[in-house]
Amino acid sequence: MRIRECLSRVTIAVLLIAGLVCWPPAATAAGESDRNTDNGVRIEWAPVSQMERTEARHSPLVLRLYGGFSQAEAGDLNEGLDGYFEVLELYSALGFGTTTGGYNRFRAGYNFGADLILQLTRHIGIGIGAGYMRFSKSSLMTWSYEAQTIEVSVAPTLSAVPIRAGLFLTLPLGKRLNLTADGGVTAYAALKLNWQERLAYSDGDWTEWSVSASRNAPFDNIGFQGSLGLEYMVSQKVGFFVEALGRYARFKNFEKATGMGKNNAGDSETVEGRIYLVTYTSPEGGYSGFTVEETPPISDPPTKVYTEPKIDLSGISLQAGFRIRF
C-alpha cells in the first residue's frame, strides 16, 4: 500500500509540473488590430517556426548508463562479523598475548546500472531502471601468546539488484552544461550476504565457516534515493555526466540463511535457519557475533542477548556515465 501511495504522489507531481511547463500562452485579446502587414505576419510567426524547429530536435527517449563508487552503512552486519576479532582483542586487553592487524569494517563497494527515461518535456522526464551493487572487505588478525598463535580471517560480501522508478530533471546552465537531478523509489531484489571465516592455529589445526543469507522479495525491500549532478553535452545527442547520489535503504533480517562448518579433522556441519546477532557481556568485557539458528534462540540477559540484525544499505554513491538521446 505504501508503495502505491509513493508512486501516486510521484505521478501527480510529474503531471502538475508537466502541465505548468506545457500550458499554452494566453489567447490574443479580442479586438486586436487586423491591420497587420505581410511583414507583421512574418514577424508574428517567426518565433513559432523557431519553436517548431527546436521541438523537432527534442528526444522523447533518453538512456542513462552509469557506474561508480558506493558506500553503505552496513550497521549490524559489521557488529556480527567481527566476533572473533573482538574476542582476541579482549584477550590482549586482559594481558594475554598481543594482536596484529584487525577487523576492517566493510562499507565500500561499487555499483552500475541503466535508466530508460520518457521525456514529458525538454526538462522533465519519468523513468525506470535497474542496476547492480556490491560491497566487500577482507580482514585478517594474528594473536600471539608465548609460543602459540591464532590467525582469524573473514571475507564478507553484500550485494543487491536495485530496481527503481523516478522523476528526472534537466536544467540548462549554458550552451553545453546542464544541471541534473532525480529522485524516486527503489526496490532491492536478490539481496544477499555471504561470508567465509577461518581460524588457523600454529599447530596446524583449522576451522572454517561459510554462511549464505538472502532476502529475495524486492517489494519487501523498499528504499528511496535522490541525486544531483552536472552534464556536459559532448554532442547534440550524447552527454557525459557526474553526480552524487544519496540513498535510504534499511530492511529487516534476511529471510533465510545456510551455515556450513568444517575442520582439519574432517568434521562438518550444515545448519539452515536465520542469522541472529548474539551479544555476550561479562565483567571482563563484551563482544558480539553471528550465529545461524533453526529456531529463535532464547536470550539470557544480561549475559547473553539474541537480536535479529537489520540490513542497512543507506549511504552515498559517486558515479559517472552517459546520457544518450534517441
Protein backbone atom coordinates (compact mmCIF):
# COMPACT_ATOMS: atom_id res chain seq x y z
CA MET A 1 0.00 0.00 0.00
CA ARG A 2 2.83 2.36 0.89
CA ILE A 3 4.48 1.72 -2.49
CA ARG A 4 1.30 2.62 -4.41
CA GLU A 5 0.94 5.85 -2.40
CA CYS A 6 4.55 6.86 -3.17
CA LEU A 7 4.15 6.13 -6.88
CA SER A 8 0.81 8.00 -7.00
CA ARG A 9 2.40 11.08 -5.43
CA VAL A 10 5.29 10.99 -7.89
CA THR A 11 2.84 10.65 -10.81
CA ILE A 12 0.66 13.55 -9.60
CA ALA A 13 3.74 15.74 -9.10
CA VAL A 14 5.00 14.93 -12.58
CA LEU A 15 1.63 15.71 -14.19
CA LEU A 16 1.30 19.03 -12.32
CA ILE A 17 4.83 20.14 -13.25
CA ALA A 18 4.41 18.98 -16.84
CA GLY A 19 1.09 20.85 -17.08
CA LEU A 20 2.65 24.09 -15.86
CA VAL A 21 5.57 23.79 -18.24
CA CYS A 22 3.39 22.92 -21.27
CA TRP A 23 0.45 25.31 -20.58
CA PRO A 24 -0.19 27.39 -23.73
CA PRO A 25 0.13 31.17 -23.66
CA ALA A 26 -2.98 33.24 -23.23
CA ALA A 27 -5.06 33.91 -26.35
CA THR A 28 -4.70 37.20 -28.17
CA ALA A 29 -7.05 39.80 -26.74
CA ALA A 30 -10.28 40.36 -28.69
CA GLY A 31 -10.40 43.35 -30.94
CA GLU A 32 -6.72 43.21 -31.89
CA SER A 33 -5.98 45.31 -34.93
CA ASP A 34 -6.34 43.50 -38.27
CA ARG A 35 -4.08 45.99 -39.98
CA ASN A 36 -1.02 43.71 -39.80
CA THR A 37 1.03 43.88 -42.94
CA ASP A 38 2.68 40.83 -44.54
CA ASN A 39 5.83 41.87 -42.79
CA GLY A 40 3.93 41.93 -39.48
CA VAL A 41 2.63 38.42 -40.06
CA ARG A 42 6.13 37.19 -40.72
CA ILE A 43 7.34 38.84 -37.50
CA GLU A 44 4.47 37.26 -35.55
CA TRP A 45 5.06 33.70 -36.78
CA ALA A 46 8.86 33.66 -36.78
CA PRO A 47 9.15 32.66 -33.08
CA VAL A 48 6.58 29.88 -33.61
CA SER A 49 8.54 28.46 -36.51
CA GLN A 50 11.71 28.59 -34.44
CA MET A 51 9.91 26.75 -31.61
CA GLU A 52 8.76 24.02 -34.02
CA ARG A 53 12.32 23.52 -35.25
CA THR A 54 13.57 23.29 -31.65
CA GLU A 55 10.88 20.81 -30.62
CA ALA A 56 11.67 18.68 -33.65
CA ARG A 57 15.11 18.10 -32.18
CA HIS A 58 13.60 17.10 -28.82
CA SER A 59 14.27 13.43 -27.95
CA PRO A 60 11.35 11.62 -26.28
CA LEU A 61 13.55 8.77 -25.01
CA VAL A 62 16.82 9.00 -23.07
CA LEU A 63 19.08 6.15 -21.97
CA ARG A 64 21.31 6.66 -18.93
CA LEU A 65 24.32 4.37 -18.42
CA TYR A 66 26.31 4.84 -15.21
CA GLY A 67 28.69 3.30 -12.71
CA GLY A 68 30.88 4.32 -9.81
CA PHE A 69 31.86 4.10 -6.15
CA SER A 70 29.31 3.33 -3.43
CA GLN A 71 29.34 3.37 0.35
CA ALA A 72 26.82 1.72 2.69
CA GLU A 73 26.37 1.91 6.45
CA ALA A 74 26.10 -1.91 6.88
CA GLY A 75 25.39 -1.34 10.62
CA ASP A 76 24.54 -4.60 12.38
CA LEU A 77 26.35 -6.63 9.75
CA ASN A 78 29.70 -5.25 10.88
CA GLU A 79 28.74 -5.80 14.52
CA GLY A 80 28.25 -9.52 13.88
CA LEU A 81 31.12 -10.22 11.51
CA ASP A 82 33.87 -9.01 13.85
CA GLY A 83 33.06 -11.52 16.64
CA TYR A 84 36.34 -13.47 16.81
CA PHE A 85 38.34 -10.29 16.29
CA GLU A 86 36.69 -8.81 19.39
CA VAL A 87 37.45 -11.97 21.40
CA LEU A 88 41.16 -11.85 20.57
CA GLU A 89 41.30 -8.11 21.28
CA LEU A 90 39.67 -8.80 24.66
CA TYR A 91 42.33 -11.41 25.48
CA SER A 92 45.03 -8.91 24.55
CA ALA A 93 43.41 -6.17 26.69
CA LEU A 94 43.42 -8.57 29.66
CA GLY A 95 47.17 -9.13 29.24
CA PHE A 96 47.04 -12.42 27.40
CA GLY A 97 49.02 -12.00 24.18
CA THR A 98 49.25 -9.33 21.52
CA THR A 99 47.44 -8.75 18.24
CA THR A 100 48.45 -7.50 14.81
CA GLY A 101 46.01 -6.50 12.10
CA GLY A 102 42.30 -6.19 12.84
CA TYR A 103 38.79 -6.11 11.51
CA ASN A 104 38.13 -3.73 8.62
CA ARG A 105 34.52 -2.55 8.62
CA PHE A 106 33.12 -3.24 5.18
CA ARG A 107 31.32 -0.23 3.74
CA ALA A 108 32.88 0.47 0.35
CA GLY A 109 31.86 -1.08 -2.94
CA TYR A 110 30.74 -0.30 -6.46
CA ASN A 111 27.54 -0.03 -8.47
CA PHE A 112 26.43 0.25 -12.09
CA GLY A 113 23.14 0.33 -13.97
CA ALA A 114 20.90 1.87 -16.61
CA ASP A 115 17.74 4.01 -16.72
CA LEU A 116 15.27 4.45 -19.57
CA ILE A 117 13.59 7.86 -19.39
CA LEU A 118 10.48 9.14 -21.17
CA GLN A 119 10.79 12.92 -21.59
CA LEU A 120 7.46 14.64 -20.89
CA THR A 121 9.09 17.97 -21.75
CA ARG A 122 12.63 19.04 -22.58
CA HIS A 123 13.35 19.37 -18.85
CA ILE A 124 11.13 16.77 -17.14
CA GLY A 125 11.08 13.01 -17.55
CA ILE A 126 9.92 9.88 -15.80
CA GLY A 127 11.87 6.65 -15.96
CA ILE A 128 12.60 3.17 -14.74
CA GLY A 129 15.92 1.43 -14.32
CA ALA A 130 17.87 -1.45 -12.83
CA GLY A 131 21.43 -2.00 -11.68
CA TYR A 132 23.79 -3.99 -9.50
CA MET A 133 25.66 -3.07 -6.32
CA ARG A 134 28.27 -4.97 -4.32
CA PHE A 135 30.18 -4.30 -1.09
CA SER A 136 33.09 -6.36 0.25
CA LYS A 137 36.14 -6.16 2.53
CA SER A 138 38.61 -8.77 3.78
CA SER A 139 40.07 -8.70 7.30
CA LEU A 140 42.97 -10.54 8.97
CA MET A 141 44.25 -10.61 12.56
CA THR A 142 47.03 -12.59 14.24
CA TRP A 143 47.04 -13.19 18.00
CA SER A 144 50.28 -14.33 19.63
CA TYR A 145 50.79 -15.61 23.17
CA GLU A 146 54.08 -17.23 24.17
CA ALA A 147 54.66 -19.97 21.52
CA GLN A 148 51.04 -20.10 20.34
CA THR A 149 49.46 -18.08 17.52
CA ILE A 150 45.93 -17.89 16.16
CA GLU A 151 45.08 -16.33 12.82
CA VAL A 152 41.49 -15.27 12.14
CA SER A 153 40.22 -14.03 8.78
CA VAL A 154 36.83 -13.10 7.34
CA ALA A 155 35.71 -12.06 3.85
CA PRO A 156 32.09 -10.77 3.64
CA THR A 157 30.18 -9.75 0.51
CA LEU A 158 26.84 -7.91 0.38
CA SER A 159 25.07 -7.49 -2.97
CA ALA A 160 21.69 -6.44 -4.40
CA VAL A 161 19.88 -5.61 -7.65
CA PRO A 162 18.17 -2.21 -7.25
CA ILE A 163 15.10 -1.60 -9.44
CA ARG A 164 13.88 1.97 -9.39
CA ALA A 165 11.26 4.37 -10.75
CA GLY A 166 11.64 8.12 -10.51
CA LEU A 167 11.38 11.69 -11.77
CA PHE A 168 14.32 13.13 -13.75
CA LEU A 169 15.02 16.85 -14.21
CA THR A 170 17.42 18.57 -16.62
CA LEU A 171 18.02 22.32 -16.31
CA PRO A 172 20.35 24.16 -18.76
CA LEU A 173 23.19 26.18 -17.23
CA GLY A 174 24.86 27.09 -20.50
CA LYS A 175 25.25 26.11 -24.14
CA ARG A 176 26.72 22.68 -23.27
CA LEU A 177 26.25 22.40 -19.50
CA ASN A 178 23.16 21.08 -17.69
CA LEU A 179 22.20 20.64 -14.07
CA THR A 180 20.63 17.22 -13.48
CA ALA A 181 18.58 15.89 -10.57
CA ASP A 182 16.42 12.88 -9.91
CA GLY A 183 14.53 11.18 -7.09
CA GLY A 184 12.36 8.14 -6.65
CA VAL A 185 11.55 4.79 -5.10
CA THR A 186 13.87 1.77 -5.24
CA ALA A 187 13.11 -1.93 -4.69
CA TYR A 188 16.12 -4.11 -3.84
CA ALA A 189 15.92 -7.58 -5.38
CA ALA A 190 18.30 -10.53 -4.85
CA LEU A 191 19.62 -9.08 -1.56
CA LYS A 192 22.40 -11.43 -0.41
CA LEU A 193 25.08 -11.67 2.28
CA ASN A 194 27.89 -14.21 2.03
CA TRP A 195 30.93 -14.60 4.20
CA GLN A 196 33.77 -17.03 4.85
CA GLU A 197 35.55 -17.16 8.19
CA ARG A 198 38.64 -19.15 9.19
CA LEU A 199 40.54 -19.85 12.41
CA ALA A 200 44.05 -21.23 11.88
CA TYR A 201 46.26 -22.38 14.80
CA SER A 202 50.03 -22.58 14.96
CA ASP A 203 49.91 -26.37 15.45
CA GLY A 204 48.24 -26.82 12.06
CA ASP A 205 44.61 -27.16 13.18
CA TRP A 206 41.99 -25.03 11.47
CA THR A 207 38.25 -24.44 11.41
CA GLU A 208 36.22 -22.78 8.64
CA TRP A 209 32.67 -21.45 8.37
CA SER A 210 30.75 -20.16 5.38
CA VAL A 211 27.34 -18.52 5.61
CA SER A 212 24.92 -17.51 2.87
CA ALA A 213 21.85 -15.40 3.73
CA SER A 214 19.28 -13.92 1.34
CA ARG A 215 16.19 -11.76 1.12
CA ASN A 216 14.62 -12.10 -2.32
CA ALA A 217 11.17 -10.41 -2.32
CA PRO A 218 12.01 -6.99 -3.86
CA PHE A 219 8.81 -5.21 -2.81
CA ASP A 220 9.56 -6.04 0.83
CA ASN A 221 12.84 -4.14 0.46
CA ILE A 222 11.78 -0.59 -0.45
CA GLY A 223 14.07 2.42 -0.19
CA PHE A 224 14.38 5.96 -1.54
CA GLN A 225 17.14 7.80 -3.34
CA GLY A 226 17.94 11.13 -4.96
CA SER A 227 20.87 12.61 -6.87
CA LEU A 228 22.31 15.91 -8.09
CA GLY A 229 24.86 16.26 -10.88
CA LEU A 230 26.27 18.07 -13.90
CA GLU A 231 26.08 17.02 -17.55
CA TYR A 232 28.38 18.15 -20.35
CA MET A 233 26.96 17.79 -23.86
CA VAL A 234 29.59 16.03 -25.96
CA SER A 235 27.26 16.22 -28.98
CA GLN A 236 23.61 17.03 -29.67
CA LYS A 237 22.54 13.52 -28.61
CA VAL A 238 25.23 12.40 -26.12
CA GLY A 239 26.08 13.91 -22.77
CA PHE A 240 28.65 12.91 -20.13
CA PHE A 241 27.57 13.39 -16.50
CA VAL A 242 28.90 13.11 -12.96
CA GLU A 243 26.62 13.01 -9.93
CA ALA A 244 26.35 12.38 -6.19
CA LEU A 245 23.54 10.14 -5.01
CA GLY A 246 22.05 9.73 -1.53
CA ARG A 247 20.28 6.52 -0.57
CA TYR A 248 17.98 5.43 2.30
CA ALA A 249 17.52 1.64 2.42
CA ARG A 250 17.06 -0.09 5.78
CA PHE A 251 15.44 -3.54 5.95
CA LYS A 252 14.62 -6.38 8.33
CA ASN A 253 16.64 -9.55 8.86
CA PHE A 254 17.39 -11.94 5.99
CA GLU A 255 14.58 -14.41 5.33
CA LYS A 256 16.81 -17.47 5.34
CA ALA A 257 20.41 -18.47 5.93
CA THR A 258 22.57 -21.54 5.50
CA GLY A 259 25.73 -22.08 7.54
CA MET A 260 28.35 -24.73 6.84
CA GLY A 261 31.34 -25.55 9.03
CA LYS A 262 34.29 -27.92 8.70
CA ASN A 263 37.72 -28.52 10.24
CA ASN A 264 41.01 -30.27 9.54
CA ALA A 265 39.79 -33.42 11.35
CA GLY A 266 37.16 -33.96 8.67
CA ASP A 267 34.16 -32.93 10.76
CA SER A 268 31.42 -30.95 9.02
CA GLU A 269 28.04 -29.48 9.86
CA THR A 270 25.25 -27.68 7.98
CA VAL A 271 22.57 -25.54 9.64
CA GLU A 272 19.61 -23.84 7.93
CA GLY A 273 17.56 -21.11 9.56
CA ARG A 274 18.12 -17.40 10.15
CA ILE A 275 21.09 -15.38 11.34
CA TYR A 276 20.99 -13.82 14.81
CA LEU A 277 23.26 -11.30 16.48
CA VAL A 278 24.32 -12.60 19.90
CA THR A 279 25.90 -10.20 22.41
CA TYR A 280 27.92 -11.53 25.35
CA THR A 281 28.53 -9.37 28.42
CA SER A 282 30.85 -10.15 31.34
CA PRO A 283 32.79 -8.21 34.00
CA GLU A 284 35.92 -8.57 31.85
CA GLY A 285 34.28 -7.10 28.76
CA GLY A 286 31.84 -7.90 25.98
CA TYR A 287 31.70 -8.92 22.35
CA SER A 288 29.12 -9.85 19.71
CA GLY A 289 28.92 -12.25 16.77
CA PHE A 290 26.60 -14.01 14.36
CA THR A 291 25.01 -17.41 14.75
CA VAL A 292 22.70 -19.39 12.45
CA GLU A 293 19.77 -20.99 14.28
CA GLU A 294 16.87 -23.16 13.08
CA THR A 295 14.51 -21.70 15.72
CA PRO A 296 14.61 -18.35 17.52
CA PRO A 297 17.14 -18.68 20.37
CA ILE A 298 16.31 -17.67 23.93
CA SER A 299 18.21 -14.75 25.48
CA ASP A 300 19.69 -14.89 28.95
CA PRO A 301 20.17 -11.21 29.84
CA PRO A 302 22.40 -9.55 30.69
CA THR A 303 24.98 -12.27 29.97
CA LYS A 304 23.70 -13.33 26.55
CA VAL A 305 21.19 -11.48 24.34
CA TYR A 306 19.96 -12.50 20.88
CA THR A 307 18.57 -9.97 18.40
CA GLU A 308 17.72 -10.04 14.69
CA PRO A 309 20.10 -7.82 12.70
CA LYS A 310 18.98 -5.01 10.40
CA ILE A 311 20.26 -4.69 6.83
CA ASP A 312 21.36 -1.12 6.14
CA LEU A 313 22.24 -0.15 2.58
CA SER A 314 21.81 3.56 3.28
CA GLY A 315 24.72 5.62 2.04
CA ILE A 316 26.09 7.56 -0.92
CA SER A 317 27.30 6.87 -4.44
CA LEU A 318 29.64 8.94 -6.60
CA GLN A 319 29.07 7.94 -10.19
CA ALA A 320 29.58 8.96 -13.80
CA GLY A 321 28.10 7.94 -17.10
CA PHE A 322 26.47 8.90 -20.40
CA ARG A 323 23.01 10.09 -21.39
CA ILE A 324 22.07 9.03 -24.90
CA ARG A 325 19.12 10.78 -26.59
CA PHE A 326 17.26 8.89 -29.30
